[in-house]
C-alpha atoms as a PDB file:
ATOM      1  CA  MET A   1     -44.606  75.317-150.692  1.00  0.00           C
ATOM      2  CA  ASN A   2     -42.509  76.635-153.756  1.00  0.00           C
ATOM      3  CA  LEU A   3     -40.619  73.605-154.266  1.00  0.00           C
ATOM      4  CA  LEU A   4     -44.037  71.796-154.484  1.00  0.00           C
ATOM      5  CA  ILE A   5     -45.420  74.109-156.906  1.00  0.00           C
ATOM      6  CA  ARG A   6     -42.250  73.904-158.857  1.00  0.00           C
ATOM      7  CA  THR A   7     -42.059  70.239-158.678  1.00  0.00           C
ATOM      8  CA  MET A   8     -45.457  70.296-160.467  1.00  0.00           C
ATOM      9  CA  GLY A   9     -44.512  72.024-163.446  1.00  0.00           C
ATOM     10  CA  TYR A  10     -45.606  75.269-162.627  1.00  0.00           C
ATOM     11  CA  ASP A  11     -43.273  78.626-162.132  1.00  0.00           C
ATOM     12  CA  GLU A  12     -43.845  79.642-158.660  1.00  0.00           C
ATOM     13  CA  ASN A  13     -43.342  83.353-159.462  1.00  0.00           C
ATOM     14  CA  LYS A  14     -46.437  83.669-161.485  1.00  0.00           C
ATOM     15  CA  TYR A  15     -48.806  82.742-158.845  1.00  0.00           C
ATOM     16  CA  ALA A  16     -50.021  84.481-155.474  1.00  0.00           C
ATOM     17  CA  ARG A  17     -50.083  82.801-152.230  1.00  0.00           C
ATOM     18  CA  ARG A  18     -53.782  81.748-152.673  1.00  0.00           C
ATOM     19  CA  GLN A  19     -53.219  80.318-156.025  1.00  0.00           C
ATOM     20  CA  LYS A  20     -50.407  78.150-154.954  1.00  0.00           C
ATOM     21  CA  MET A  21     -52.800  76.849-152.530  1.00  0.00           C
ATOM     22  CA  LEU A  22     -55.401  76.153-154.608  1.00  0.00           C
ATOM     23  CA  LEU A  23     -52.549  74.457-156.933  1.00  0.00           C
ATOM     24  CA  LEU A  24     -51.274  72.077-153.974  1.00  0.00           C
ATOM     25  CA  THR A  25     -55.250  71.336-153.512  1.00  0.00           C
ATOM     26  CA  ARG A  26     -54.653  69.210-156.303  1.00  0.00           C
ATOM     27  CA  LEU A  27     -52.319  67.017-154.537  1.00  0.00           C
ATOM     28  CA  THR A  28     -55.070  65.935-151.605  1.00  0.00           C
ATOM     29  CA  PRO A  29     -55.836  62.595-152.806  1.00  0.00           C
ATOM     30  CA  ILE A  30     -52.385  61.608-152.921  1.00  0.00           C
ATOM     31  CA  VAL A  31     -51.691  61.891-149.253  1.00  0.00           C
ATOM     32  CA  GLU A  32     -55.766  61.434-148.023  1.00  0.00           C
ATOM     33  CA  PRO A  33     -56.873  57.810-148.558  1.00  0.00           C
ATOM     34  CA  ARG A  34     -60.327  58.262-149.093  1.00  0.00           C
ATOM     35  CA  VAL A  35     -60.319  61.420-151.206  1.00  0.00           C
ATOM     36  CA  ASN A  36     -61.904  61.482-154.599  1.00  0.00           C
ATOM     37  CA  LEU A  37     -60.949  64.481-156.796  1.00  0.00           C
ATOM     38  CA  ILE A  38     -62.741  65.303-160.686  1.00  0.00           C
ATOM     39  CA  GLU A  39     -61.219  67.799-162.570  1.00  0.00           C
ATOM     40  CA  LEU A  40     -63.382  69.373-165.450  1.00  0.00           C
ATOM     41  CA  ALA A  41     -61.584  71.317-167.994  1.00  0.00           C
ATOM     42  CA  PRO A  42     -60.900  70.823-171.700  1.00  0.00           C
ATOM     43  CA  LYS A  43     -58.931  68.035-173.429  1.00  0.00           C
ATOM     44  CA  GLY A  44     -54.834  69.143-173.558  1.00  0.00           C
ATOM     45  CA  THR A  45     -54.671  71.246-170.382  1.00  0.00           C
ATOM     46  CA  GLY A  46     -52.775  69.249-168.279  1.00  0.00           C
ATOM     47  CA  LYS A  47     -55.401  67.720-165.903  1.00  0.00           C
ATOM     48  CA  SER A  48     -53.486  64.296-165.284  1.00  0.00           C
ATOM     49  CA  TYR A  49     -49.978  65.592-165.808  1.00  0.00           C
ATOM     50  CA  VAL A  50     -49.108  66.574-162.418  1.00  0.00           C
ATOM     51  CA  PHE A  51     -50.144  62.830-161.064  1.00  0.00           C
ATOM     52  CA  SER A  52     -48.218  61.364-163.830  1.00  0.00           C
ATOM     53  CA  GLN A  53     -45.473  63.453-162.828  1.00  0.00           C
ATOM     54  CA  CYS A  54     -45.755  62.886-158.615  1.00  0.00           C
ATOM     55  CA  HIS A  55     -46.778  59.347-158.125  1.00  0.00           C
ATOM     56  CA  LEU A  56     -46.711  56.030-159.760  1.00  0.00           C
ATOM     57  CA  ARG A  57     -49.542  54.461-158.402  1.00  0.00           C
ATOM     58  CA  ILE A  58     -51.996  57.038-159.372  1.00  0.00           C
ATOM     59  CA  LYS A  59     -54.799  55.852-161.683  1.00  0.00           C
ATOM     60  CA  THR A  60     -56.092  58.607-164.382  1.00  0.00           C
ATOM     61  CA  ASP A  61     -59.532  57.344-165.866  1.00  0.00           C
ATOM     62  CA  PRO A  62     -59.947  58.469-169.301  1.00  0.00           C
ATOM     63  CA  PRO A  63     -62.917  60.730-170.279  1.00  0.00           C
ATOM     64  CA  THR A  64     -65.335  58.895-171.652  1.00  0.00           C
END
């Protein structure tokens, strides 16, 4: 679990186990074919950073 958190660009020592599990749920669309995920947050908060670093075939749509 810590390796995945570190790969996503986070410091695994700053998070409790539950918080780590919540961070890992962001990876669900990569491993499940029919799962979509929408993250709502202000600009510049790293919503698409994890996906651009972890997988080459992920499409992120810019906000409209």
